[in-house]
């Protein structure tokens, strides 16, 4: 119920989020939340095949995301393979720049770590276990996850930018058909695009 209420509150405030379609109550206080969204792919869905160097699965996931965004009217149709991947990276850079700025402005804490597991590729929040929204700016808040501590609200921009850099790595890996080192993309144009959007 907390996840459903949080997603509805943020949605009504104009912040992108998954929506709760249904909550299935189970015995002993457990439940299953059925999520709905225009495109529920997370960066994490792309990062796993990238790390495993599974280019077939990586390309299939990126193509699925592109096709879905085109069908939703959120991305223009691009017939050329390289241009499709470039449009994908540009869209994520724009989205994540605006998203990081919105989170900072609206005091939303969403653990944006390298794996991109709490955020959707379209910038919507998913999985509300560690998401918080504060009434006042809370510079020092960190989510405590056992031995790990998260970033603060102002540090989220750096994490969002890093996710965009990995998306540039995905773009280049798919275009060149071989994995490109992340360090080679430290000055990729999509990072400047992210900064402008922020």
N, C-alpha and C. Protein backbone atom coordinates (compact mmCIF):
# COMPACT_ATOMS: atom_id res chain seq x y z
N UNK A 1 0.82 -1.20 0.00
CA UNK A 1 0.00 0.00 0.00
C UNK A 1 0.86 1.26 0.00
N UNK A 2 1.98 1.20 0.70
CA UNK A 2 2.87 2.38 0.75
C UNK A 2 3.37 2.72 -0.65
N UNK A 3 3.76 1.70 -1.44
CA UNK A 3 4.24 1.95 -2.80
C UNK A 3 3.13 2.53 -3.66
N UNK A 4 1.92 2.02 -3.53
CA UNK A 4 0.80 2.53 -4.32
C UNK A 4 0.51 3.98 -3.96
N UNK A 5 0.48 4.30 -2.68
CA UNK A 5 0.20 5.66 -2.25
C UNK A 5 1.31 6.62 -2.67
N UNK A 6 2.55 6.18 -2.55
CA UNK A 6 3.68 7.03 -2.93
C UNK A 6 3.65 7.31 -4.43
N UNK A 7 3.40 6.30 -5.24
CA UNK A 7 3.38 6.52 -6.68
C UNK A 7 2.24 7.45 -7.08
N UNK A 8 1.09 7.32 -6.43
CA UNK A 8 -0.03 8.21 -6.75
C UNK A 8 0.25 9.64 -6.31
N UNK A 9 0.89 9.81 -5.15
CA UNK A 9 1.22 11.16 -4.68
C UNK A 9 2.21 11.83 -5.62
N UNK A 10 3.25 11.11 -6.03
CA UNK A 10 4.23 11.71 -6.94
C UNK A 10 3.64 11.95 -8.32
N UNK A 11 2.81 11.03 -8.79
CA UNK A 11 2.15 11.22 -10.09
C UNK A 11 1.29 12.49 -10.07
N UNK A 12 0.55 12.70 -8.99
CA UNK A 12 -0.31 13.90 -8.92
C UNK A 12 0.53 15.18 -8.83
N UNK A 13 1.79 15.06 -8.40
CA UNK A 13 2.69 16.22 -8.34
C UNK A 13 3.44 16.42 -9.66
N UNK A 14 3.15 15.59 -10.68
CA UNK A 14 3.77 15.75 -11.99
C UNK A 14 5.13 15.07 -12.12
N UNK A 15 5.46 14.18 -11.20
CA UNK A 15 6.72 13.45 -11.25
C UNK A 15 6.46 12.09 -11.89
N UNK A 16 7.26 11.74 -12.89
CA UNK A 16 7.06 10.45 -13.58
C UNK A 16 7.22 9.29 -12.62
N UNK A 17 6.33 8.34 -12.77
CA UNK A 17 6.37 7.16 -11.92
C UNK A 17 5.55 6.05 -12.56
N UNK A 18 5.85 4.84 -12.16
CA UNK A 18 4.97 3.72 -12.48
C UNK A 18 3.65 3.97 -11.76
N UNK A 19 2.63 3.29 -12.16
CA UNK A 19 1.34 3.38 -11.46
C UNK A 19 0.99 2.00 -10.96
N UNK A 20 0.23 1.94 -9.91
CA UNK A 20 -0.19 0.66 -9.35
C UNK A 20 -1.50 0.26 -9.99
N UNK A 21 -1.50 -0.87 -10.65
CA UNK A 21 -2.70 -1.39 -11.30
C UNK A 21 -3.54 -2.19 -10.31
N UNK A 22 -2.85 -2.97 -9.47
CA UNK A 22 -3.56 -3.80 -8.49
C UNK A 22 -2.60 -4.19 -7.37
N UNK A 23 -3.19 -4.48 -6.22
CA UNK A 23 -2.42 -5.03 -5.10
C UNK A 23 -3.10 -6.34 -4.72
N UNK A 24 -2.33 -7.41 -4.78
CA UNK A 24 -2.86 -8.73 -4.43
C UNK A 24 -2.38 -9.08 -3.03
N UNK A 25 -3.32 -9.17 -2.10
CA UNK A 25 -2.97 -9.46 -0.72
C UNK A 25 -2.75 -10.96 -0.54
N UNK A 26 -1.65 -11.28 0.15
CA UNK A 26 -1.30 -12.66 0.44
C UNK A 26 -1.39 -12.90 1.95
N UNK A 27 -1.37 -14.15 2.36
CA UNK A 27 -1.40 -14.42 3.80
C UNK A 27 -0.17 -13.83 4.50
N UNK A 28 -0.28 -13.62 5.77
CA UNK A 28 0.80 -13.13 6.64
C UNK A 28 1.29 -11.72 6.27
N UNK A 29 0.41 -10.89 5.77
CA UNK A 29 0.75 -9.49 5.54
C UNK A 29 1.58 -9.21 4.30
N UNK A 30 1.79 -10.18 3.46
CA UNK A 30 2.55 -9.95 2.23
C UNK A 30 1.60 -9.58 1.10
N UNK A 31 2.17 -8.97 0.05
CA UNK A 31 1.35 -8.58 -1.09
C UNK A 31 2.20 -8.54 -2.35
N UNK A 32 1.54 -8.60 -3.47
CA UNK A 32 2.17 -8.43 -4.77
C UNK A 32 1.58 -7.15 -5.39
N UNK A 33 2.45 -6.24 -5.79
CA UNK A 33 2.01 -5.01 -6.44
C UNK A 33 2.14 -5.21 -7.95
N UNK A 34 1.06 -5.04 -8.67
CA UNK A 34 1.07 -5.14 -10.12
C UNK A 34 1.25 -3.73 -10.66
N UNK A 35 2.37 -3.50 -11.33
CA UNK A 35 2.72 -2.17 -11.82
C UNK A 35 2.27 -1.99 -13.26
N UNK A 36 1.96 -0.75 -13.59
CA UNK A 36 1.61 -0.41 -14.96
C UNK A 36 2.40 0.83 -15.36
N UNK A 37 2.79 0.88 -16.62
CA UNK A 37 3.52 2.04 -17.11
C UNK A 37 3.62 1.97 -18.62
N UNK A 38 4.00 3.09 -19.20
CA UNK A 38 4.11 3.15 -20.67
C UNK A 38 5.31 2.34 -21.16
N UNK A 39 6.34 2.24 -20.34
CA UNK A 39 7.53 1.46 -20.71
C UNK A 39 8.27 1.13 -19.42
N UNK A 40 8.19 -0.08 -18.96
CA UNK A 40 8.73 -0.46 -17.65
C UNK A 40 10.17 -0.98 -17.68
N UNK A 41 10.90 -0.71 -18.76
CA UNK A 41 12.30 -1.12 -18.80
C UNK A 41 13.16 -0.19 -17.94
N UNK A 42 14.03 -0.79 -17.15
CA UNK A 42 14.96 -0.05 -16.30
C UNK A 42 16.36 -0.09 -16.93
N UNK A 43 17.24 0.85 -16.56
CA UNK A 43 18.62 0.74 -17.01
C UNK A 43 19.23 -0.62 -16.64
N UNK A 44 18.86 -1.15 -15.50
CA UNK A 44 19.38 -2.44 -15.06
C UNK A 44 19.10 -3.56 -16.06
N UNK A 45 17.98 -3.45 -16.79
CA UNK A 45 17.66 -4.46 -17.80
C UNK A 45 18.65 -4.45 -18.96
N UNK A 46 19.35 -3.33 -19.14
CA UNK A 46 20.35 -3.23 -20.20
C UNK A 46 21.76 -3.47 -19.66
N UNK A 47 21.98 -3.11 -18.40
CA UNK A 47 23.32 -3.19 -17.83
C UNK A 47 23.78 -4.64 -17.67
N UNK A 48 22.87 -5.54 -17.34
CA UNK A 48 23.26 -6.95 -17.16
C UNK A 48 23.81 -7.55 -18.46
N UNK A 49 23.08 -7.48 -19.59
CA UNK A 49 23.66 -8.05 -20.82
C UNK A 49 24.91 -7.30 -21.29
N UNK A 50 25.02 -6.00 -20.99
CA UNK A 50 26.23 -5.28 -21.34
C UNK A 50 27.42 -5.85 -20.57
N UNK A 51 27.25 -6.03 -19.27
CA UNK A 51 28.35 -6.56 -18.44
C UNK A 51 28.70 -8.00 -18.84
N UNK A 52 27.69 -8.75 -19.27
CA UNK A 52 27.92 -10.13 -19.68
C UNK A 52 28.40 -10.23 -21.13
N UNK A 53 28.51 -9.09 -21.80
CA UNK A 53 28.91 -9.03 -23.20
C UNK A 53 27.98 -9.84 -24.09
N UNK A 54 26.70 -9.86 -23.71
CA UNK A 54 25.67 -10.56 -24.47
C UNK A 54 25.01 -9.54 -25.41
N UNK A 55 25.67 -9.29 -26.54
CA UNK A 55 25.22 -8.23 -27.44
C UNK A 55 23.89 -8.54 -28.12
N UNK A 56 23.59 -9.81 -28.31
CA UNK A 56 22.30 -10.17 -28.92
C UNK A 56 21.16 -9.77 -27.98
N UNK A 57 21.27 -10.13 -26.72
CA UNK A 57 20.24 -9.79 -25.75
C UNK A 57 20.19 -8.28 -25.51
N UNK A 58 21.35 -7.64 -25.47
CA UNK A 58 21.42 -6.19 -25.27
C UNK A 58 20.70 -5.46 -26.40
N UNK A 59 21.02 -5.84 -27.63
CA UNK A 59 20.37 -5.18 -28.78
C UNK A 59 18.87 -5.42 -28.78
N UNK A 60 18.45 -6.62 -28.44
CA UNK A 60 17.01 -6.92 -28.41
C UNK A 60 16.30 -6.04 -27.38
N UNK A 61 16.91 -5.85 -26.22
CA UNK A 61 16.30 -5.02 -25.17
C UNK A 61 16.24 -3.55 -25.60
N UNK A 62 17.31 -3.05 -26.19
CA UNK A 62 17.33 -1.65 -26.65
C UNK A 62 16.31 -1.46 -27.77
N UNK A 63 16.26 -2.38 -28.70
CA UNK A 63 15.29 -2.30 -29.80
C UNK A 63 13.86 -2.32 -29.26
N UNK A 64 13.63 -3.17 -28.26
CA UNK A 64 12.29 -3.21 -27.65
C UNK A 64 11.94 -1.85 -27.06
N UNK A 65 12.89 -1.25 -26.31
CA UNK A 65 12.63 0.06 -25.69
C UNK A 65 12.36 1.11 -26.76
N UNK A 66 13.17 1.13 -27.81
CA UNK A 66 12.98 2.11 -28.89
C UNK A 66 11.61 1.92 -29.52
N UNK A 67 11.26 0.69 -29.90
CA UNK A 67 9.97 0.43 -30.54
C UNK A 67 8.82 0.86 -29.64
N UNK A 68 8.95 0.59 -28.36
CA UNK A 68 7.88 0.97 -27.41
C UNK A 68 7.76 2.49 -27.31
N UNK A 69 8.90 3.19 -27.26
CA UNK A 69 8.87 4.65 -27.18
C UNK A 69 8.32 5.27 -28.46
N UNK A 70 8.64 4.69 -29.60
CA UNK A 70 8.08 5.16 -30.87
C UNK A 70 6.56 4.96 -30.87
N UNK A 71 6.11 3.79 -30.45
CA UNK A 71 4.67 3.50 -30.39
C UNK A 71 3.95 4.43 -29.41
N UNK A 72 4.63 4.81 -28.33
CA UNK A 72 4.05 5.72 -27.35
C UNK A 72 4.04 7.17 -27.82
N UNK A 73 4.76 7.45 -28.92
CA UNK A 73 4.87 8.81 -29.41
C UNK A 73 5.93 9.63 -28.68
N UNK A 74 6.80 8.96 -27.94
CA UNK A 74 7.83 9.64 -27.16
C UNK A 74 9.18 9.71 -27.88
N UNK A 75 9.29 9.06 -29.01
CA UNK A 75 10.54 9.03 -29.76
C UNK A 75 10.20 8.97 -31.24
N UNK A 76 10.89 9.76 -32.08
CA UNK A 76 10.59 9.69 -33.51
C UNK A 76 11.10 8.38 -34.11
N UNK A 77 10.41 7.91 -35.12
CA UNK A 77 10.83 6.68 -35.80
C UNK A 77 12.08 6.97 -36.62
N UNK A 78 13.09 6.17 -36.43
CA UNK A 78 14.35 6.30 -37.17
C UNK A 78 14.62 4.96 -37.85
N UNK A 79 14.65 4.92 -39.18
CA UNK A 79 14.87 3.63 -39.84
C UNK A 79 16.31 3.14 -39.77
N UNK A 80 17.28 4.04 -39.77
CA UNK A 80 18.69 3.63 -39.79
C UNK A 80 19.12 3.14 -38.41
N UNK A 81 19.78 2.01 -38.38
CA UNK A 81 20.19 1.36 -37.14
C UNK A 81 21.01 2.29 -36.24
N UNK A 82 22.05 2.91 -36.78
CA UNK A 82 22.91 3.79 -35.98
C UNK A 82 22.13 4.98 -35.45
N UNK A 83 21.25 5.53 -36.28
CA UNK A 83 20.46 6.69 -35.85
C UNK A 83 19.47 6.31 -34.76
N UNK A 84 18.94 5.09 -34.81
CA UNK A 84 18.03 4.62 -33.75
C UNK A 84 18.76 4.57 -32.41
N UNK A 85 19.99 4.04 -32.42
CA UNK A 85 20.75 3.94 -31.18
C UNK A 85 21.18 5.31 -30.68
N UNK A 86 21.49 6.22 -31.59
CA UNK A 86 21.84 7.59 -31.20
C UNK A 86 20.63 8.29 -30.59
N UNK A 87 19.46 8.10 -31.19
CA UNK A 87 18.23 8.71 -30.66
C UNK A 87 17.90 8.16 -29.28
N UNK A 88 18.15 6.87 -29.08
CA UNK A 88 17.97 6.24 -27.77
C UNK A 88 18.84 6.92 -26.71
N UNK A 89 20.13 7.07 -27.00
CA UNK A 89 21.05 7.69 -26.03
C UNK A 89 20.68 9.15 -25.78
N UNK A 90 20.34 9.88 -26.83
CA UNK A 90 19.95 11.28 -26.68
C UNK A 90 18.71 11.41 -25.80
N UNK A 91 17.72 10.55 -26.04
CA UNK A 91 16.47 10.61 -25.27
C UNK A 91 16.74 10.33 -23.79
N UNK A 92 17.57 9.33 -23.50
CA UNK A 92 17.88 9.01 -22.10
C UNK A 92 18.65 10.16 -21.46
N UNK A 93 19.58 10.78 -22.19
CA UNK A 93 20.33 11.91 -21.65
C UNK A 93 19.40 13.07 -21.30
N UNK A 94 18.50 13.41 -22.21
CA UNK A 94 17.55 14.50 -21.95
C UNK A 94 16.66 14.17 -20.74
N UNK A 95 16.14 12.97 -20.74
CA UNK A 95 15.23 12.54 -19.69
C UNK A 95 15.91 12.52 -18.33
N UNK A 96 17.10 11.94 -18.26
CA UNK A 96 17.78 11.83 -16.97
C UNK A 96 18.29 13.17 -16.47
N UNK A 97 18.63 14.09 -17.37
CA UNK A 97 18.99 15.43 -16.95
C UNK A 97 17.82 16.15 -16.29
N UNK A 98 16.66 16.10 -16.94
CA UNK A 98 15.46 16.72 -16.37
C UNK A 98 15.03 16.02 -15.09
N UNK A 99 15.11 14.68 -15.09
CA UNK A 99 14.70 13.91 -13.92
C UNK A 99 15.55 14.25 -12.71
N UNK A 100 16.88 14.29 -12.88
CA UNK A 100 17.77 14.60 -11.76
C UNK A 100 17.50 16.00 -11.22
N UNK A 101 17.23 16.95 -12.12
CA UNK A 101 16.92 18.31 -11.68
C UNK A 101 15.59 18.35 -10.93
N UNK A 102 14.60 17.62 -11.43
CA UNK A 102 13.30 17.57 -10.76
C UNK A 102 13.43 16.97 -9.37
N UNK A 103 14.17 15.89 -9.26
CA UNK A 103 14.35 15.27 -7.95
C UNK A 103 15.00 16.24 -6.97
N UNK A 104 16.00 16.95 -7.44
CA UNK A 104 16.68 17.91 -6.56
C UNK A 104 15.74 19.06 -6.17
N UNK A 105 15.01 19.57 -7.15
CA UNK A 105 14.10 20.70 -6.90
C UNK A 105 12.94 20.30 -5.99
N UNK A 106 12.42 19.09 -6.17
CA UNK A 106 11.24 18.64 -5.42
C UNK A 106 11.59 17.84 -4.17
N UNK A 107 12.88 17.77 -3.85
CA UNK A 107 13.36 17.07 -2.64
C UNK A 107 13.00 15.58 -2.67
N UNK A 108 13.11 14.99 -3.83
CA UNK A 108 12.83 13.55 -3.98
C UNK A 108 14.14 12.80 -3.89
N UNK A 109 14.19 11.85 -2.99
CA UNK A 109 15.34 10.96 -2.89
C UNK A 109 14.98 9.65 -3.58
N UNK A 110 15.75 9.28 -4.58
CA UNK A 110 15.59 8.01 -5.29
C UNK A 110 16.99 7.47 -5.51
N UNK A 111 17.27 6.35 -4.93
CA UNK A 111 18.63 5.81 -4.95
C UNK A 111 19.07 5.51 -6.38
N UNK A 112 19.77 6.45 -7.00
CA UNK A 112 20.24 6.31 -8.38
C UNK A 112 21.65 5.77 -8.36
N UNK A 113 21.78 4.50 -8.19
CA UNK A 113 23.12 3.94 -8.18
C UNK A 113 23.43 3.41 -9.57
N UNK A 114 24.65 2.91 -9.76
CA UNK A 114 25.13 2.48 -11.08
C UNK A 114 24.22 1.46 -11.75
N UNK A 115 23.53 0.64 -10.98
CA UNK A 115 22.76 -0.44 -11.60
C UNK A 115 21.43 0.03 -12.16
N UNK A 116 21.04 1.25 -11.84
CA UNK A 116 19.80 1.78 -12.42
C UNK A 116 18.58 0.97 -12.11
N UNK A 117 18.47 0.47 -10.89
CA UNK A 117 17.39 -0.45 -10.56
C UNK A 117 16.15 0.24 -10.00
N UNK A 118 16.24 1.48 -9.53
CA UNK A 118 15.09 2.16 -8.94
C UNK A 118 14.44 3.15 -9.89
N UNK A 119 14.90 3.16 -11.11
CA UNK A 119 14.42 4.16 -12.06
C UNK A 119 14.15 3.48 -13.40
N UNK A 120 13.20 4.01 -14.12
CA UNK A 120 12.91 3.50 -15.46
C UNK A 120 13.73 4.28 -16.49
N UNK A 121 13.92 3.70 -17.64
CA UNK A 121 14.66 4.40 -18.70
C UNK A 121 13.94 5.66 -19.18
N UNK A 122 12.63 5.76 -18.93
CA UNK A 122 11.92 6.99 -19.30
C UNK A 122 11.91 8.00 -18.16
N UNK A 123 12.73 7.74 -17.12
CA UNK A 123 12.86 8.67 -16.01
C UNK A 123 11.82 8.51 -14.92
N UNK A 124 10.95 7.55 -15.04
CA UNK A 124 9.94 7.32 -14.01
C UNK A 124 10.51 6.51 -12.85
N UNK A 125 9.98 6.78 -11.67
CA UNK A 125 10.39 6.04 -10.48
C UNK A 125 9.68 4.69 -10.46
N UNK A 126 10.40 3.68 -10.01
CA UNK A 126 9.83 2.36 -9.81
C UNK A 126 10.46 1.76 -8.56
N UNK A 127 9.72 0.96 -7.86
CA UNK A 127 10.23 0.27 -6.67
C UNK A 127 10.48 1.27 -5.55
N UNK A 128 9.47 1.50 -4.77
CA UNK A 128 9.47 2.57 -3.77
C UNK A 128 10.09 2.21 -2.43
N UNK A 129 10.82 1.11 -2.35
CA UNK A 129 11.42 0.73 -1.07
C UNK A 129 12.34 1.76 -0.48
N UNK A 130 13.11 2.46 -1.31
CA UNK A 130 14.06 3.44 -0.78
C UNK A 130 13.74 4.87 -1.23
N UNK A 131 12.59 5.11 -1.84
CA UNK A 131 12.24 6.44 -2.33
C UNK A 131 11.61 7.25 -1.20
N UNK A 132 12.03 8.52 -1.10
CA UNK A 132 11.49 9.42 -0.09
C UNK A 132 11.26 10.78 -0.75
N UNK A 133 10.26 11.51 -0.26
CA UNK A 133 10.12 12.91 -0.63
C UNK A 133 10.01 13.71 0.66
N UNK A 134 10.82 14.73 0.75
CA UNK A 134 10.88 15.53 1.96
C UNK A 134 10.15 16.85 1.76
N UNK A 135 9.60 17.39 2.85
CA UNK A 135 8.93 18.68 2.81
C UNK A 135 9.92 19.83 2.75
N UNK A 136 11.10 19.61 3.27
CA UNK A 136 12.18 20.58 3.24
C UNK A 136 13.41 19.91 2.66
N UNK A 137 14.34 20.72 2.17
CA UNK A 137 15.55 20.15 1.60
C UNK A 137 16.37 19.45 2.67
N UNK A 138 16.68 18.19 2.45
CA UNK A 138 17.43 17.38 3.41
C UNK A 138 18.75 17.00 2.76
N UNK A 139 19.75 17.85 2.91
CA UNK A 139 21.03 17.67 2.23
C UNK A 139 21.76 16.39 2.63
N UNK A 140 21.64 15.98 3.88
CA UNK A 140 22.46 14.88 4.37
C UNK A 140 21.82 13.51 4.38
N UNK A 141 20.53 13.39 4.01
CA UNK A 141 19.87 12.09 4.11
C UNK A 141 20.51 11.06 3.19
N UNK A 142 20.77 9.90 3.76
CA UNK A 142 21.23 8.74 3.00
C UNK A 142 20.42 7.54 3.43
N UNK A 143 20.00 6.74 2.47
CA UNK A 143 19.27 5.52 2.78
C UNK A 143 20.26 4.47 3.25
N UNK A 144 19.98 3.86 4.37
CA UNK A 144 20.85 2.84 4.95
C UNK A 144 20.38 1.47 4.48
N UNK A 145 21.18 0.83 3.67
CA UNK A 145 20.87 -0.50 3.17
C UNK A 145 21.93 -1.46 3.67
N UNK A 146 21.83 -1.81 4.94
CA UNK A 146 22.82 -2.72 5.53
C UNK A 146 24.19 -2.07 5.54
N UNK A 147 25.18 -2.70 4.93
CA UNK A 147 26.52 -2.15 4.96
C UNK A 147 26.75 -1.00 3.97
N UNK A 148 25.77 -0.74 3.11
CA UNK A 148 25.93 0.31 2.10
C UNK A 148 25.09 1.52 2.46
N UNK A 149 25.62 2.68 2.13
CA UNK A 149 24.86 3.92 2.28
C UNK A 149 24.69 4.52 0.89
N UNK A 150 23.54 5.10 0.65
CA UNK A 150 23.23 5.67 -0.66
C UNK A 150 23.86 7.05 -0.82
N UNK A 151 23.60 7.64 -1.96
CA UNK A 151 23.97 9.02 -2.22
C UNK A 151 22.95 9.95 -1.56
N UNK A 152 23.28 11.22 -1.49
CA UNK A 152 22.33 12.23 -1.01
C UNK A 152 21.56 12.78 -2.20
N UNK A 153 20.58 13.64 -1.93
CA UNK A 153 19.79 14.23 -3.01
C UNK A 153 20.68 14.97 -4.01
N UNK A 154 21.64 15.76 -3.51
CA UNK A 154 22.48 16.52 -4.44
C UNK A 154 23.49 15.63 -5.18
N UNK A 155 23.81 14.48 -4.63
CA UNK A 155 24.73 13.55 -5.30
C UNK A 155 24.04 12.72 -6.38
N UNK A 156 22.71 12.75 -6.41
CA UNK A 156 21.97 11.97 -7.40
C UNK A 156 22.30 12.40 -8.82
N UNK A 157 22.60 13.69 -9.02
CA UNK A 157 22.94 14.18 -10.35
C UNK A 157 24.14 13.43 -10.91
N UNK A 158 25.15 13.20 -10.08
CA UNK A 158 26.36 12.49 -10.52
C UNK A 158 26.00 11.06 -10.91
N UNK A 159 25.15 10.42 -10.14
CA UNK A 159 24.74 9.04 -10.44
C UNK A 159 23.91 8.98 -11.72
N UNK A 160 23.01 9.93 -11.90
CA UNK A 160 22.20 9.96 -13.13
C UNK A 160 23.09 10.18 -14.34
N UNK A 161 24.08 11.05 -14.21
CA UNK A 161 25.03 11.32 -15.31
C UNK A 161 25.83 10.06 -15.63
N UNK A 162 26.18 9.30 -14.61
CA UNK A 162 26.94 8.06 -14.82
C UNK A 162 26.09 7.03 -15.56
N UNK A 163 24.81 6.96 -15.24
CA UNK A 163 23.90 6.07 -15.96
C UNK A 163 23.86 6.47 -17.44
N UNK A 164 23.82 7.77 -17.72
CA UNK A 164 23.82 8.25 -19.10
C UNK A 164 25.13 7.87 -19.80
N UNK A 165 26.23 7.91 -19.08
CA UNK A 165 27.51 7.50 -19.69
C UNK A 165 27.48 6.02 -20.06
N UNK A 166 26.86 5.20 -19.22
CA UNK A 166 26.75 3.78 -19.54
C UNK A 166 25.82 3.60 -20.75
N UNK A 167 24.79 4.41 -20.86
CA UNK A 167 23.91 4.35 -22.04
C UNK A 167 24.71 4.72 -23.29
N UNK A 168 25.62 5.69 -23.20
CA UNK A 168 26.50 6.00 -24.34
C UNK A 168 27.37 4.79 -24.67
N UNK A 169 27.83 4.08 -23.64
CA UNK A 169 28.62 2.87 -23.86
C UNK A 169 27.77 1.82 -24.59
N UNK A 170 26.53 1.69 -24.21
CA UNK A 170 25.62 0.75 -24.87
C UNK A 170 25.45 1.15 -26.34
N UNK A 171 25.20 2.44 -26.59
CA UNK A 171 25.05 2.92 -27.96
C UNK A 171 26.27 2.56 -28.81
N UNK A 172 27.45 2.89 -28.31
CA UNK A 172 28.67 2.63 -29.08
C UNK A 172 28.94 1.14 -29.24
N UNK A 173 28.65 0.37 -28.21
CA UNK A 173 28.84 -1.08 -28.27
C UNK A 173 27.96 -1.69 -29.35
N UNK A 174 26.71 -1.23 -29.43
CA UNK A 174 25.80 -1.77 -30.44
C UNK A 174 26.16 -1.31 -31.84
N UNK A 175 26.59 -0.07 -31.97
CA UNK A 175 26.97 0.44 -33.30
C UNK A 175 28.22 -0.27 -33.80
N UNK A 176 29.22 -0.42 -32.93
CA UNK A 176 30.50 -1.02 -33.34
C UNK A 176 30.50 -2.55 -33.28
N UNK A 177 29.44 -3.09 -32.64
CA UNK A 177 29.29 -4.55 -32.49
C UNK A 177 30.41 -5.18 -31.66
N UNK A 178 30.94 -4.39 -30.77
CA UNK A 178 31.91 -4.89 -29.78
C UNK A 178 31.88 -3.93 -28.59
N UNK A 179 32.15 -4.47 -27.43
CA UNK A 179 32.07 -3.67 -26.21
C UNK A 179 33.14 -2.59 -26.19
N UNK A 180 32.71 -1.38 -25.93
CA UNK A 180 33.58 -0.21 -25.85
C UNK A 180 33.82 0.09 -24.38
N UNK A 181 35.06 0.40 -23.97
CA UNK A 181 35.32 0.71 -22.55
C UNK A 181 34.57 1.97 -22.11
N UNK A 182 34.03 1.94 -20.91
CA UNK A 182 33.31 3.09 -20.37
C UNK A 182 34.21 4.32 -20.29
N UNK A 183 35.46 4.13 -19.96
CA UNK A 183 36.39 5.26 -19.83
C UNK A 183 36.56 6.02 -21.15
N UNK A 184 36.36 5.36 -22.27
CA UNK A 184 36.50 6.01 -23.57
C UNK A 184 35.37 7.01 -23.83
N UNK A 185 34.34 6.98 -22.99
CA UNK A 185 33.17 7.83 -23.21
C UNK A 185 33.03 8.91 -22.13
N UNK A 186 34.14 9.24 -21.48
CA UNK A 186 34.12 10.23 -20.39
C UNK A 186 33.75 11.62 -20.88
N UNK A 187 33.90 11.88 -22.18
CA UNK A 187 33.58 13.20 -22.74
C UNK A 187 32.59 13.07 -23.90
N UNK A 188 31.77 12.04 -23.87
CA UNK A 188 30.80 11.82 -24.93
C UNK A 188 29.79 12.98 -24.99
N UNK A 189 29.36 13.36 -26.19
CA UNK A 189 28.39 14.46 -26.32
C UNK A 189 27.09 14.27 -25.54
N UNK A 190 26.67 13.03 -25.27
CA UNK A 190 25.42 12.87 -24.51
C UNK A 190 25.57 13.37 -23.08
N UNK A 191 26.80 13.42 -22.56
CA UNK A 191 27.00 13.94 -21.20
C UNK A 191 26.79 15.45 -21.18
N UNK A 192 27.24 16.14 -22.22
CA UNK A 192 26.96 17.57 -22.33
C UNK A 192 25.46 17.80 -22.52
N UNK A 193 24.83 16.91 -23.24
CA UNK A 193 23.37 16.99 -23.43
C UNK A 193 22.66 16.82 -22.09
N UNK A 194 23.11 15.86 -21.28
CA UNK A 194 22.57 15.67 -19.94
C UNK A 194 22.71 16.95 -19.12
N UNK A 195 23.91 17.54 -19.16
CA UNK A 195 24.17 18.77 -18.39
C UNK A 195 23.25 19.90 -18.81
N UNK A 196 23.02 20.05 -20.11
CA UNK A 196 22.10 21.10 -20.60
C UNK A 196 20.68 20.83 -20.12
N UNK A 197 20.26 19.59 -20.18
CA UNK A 197 18.89 19.25 -19.75
C UNK A 197 18.73 19.48 -18.25
N UNK A 198 19.77 19.17 -17.47
CA UNK A 198 19.72 19.42 -16.02
C UNK A 198 19.57 20.92 -15.75
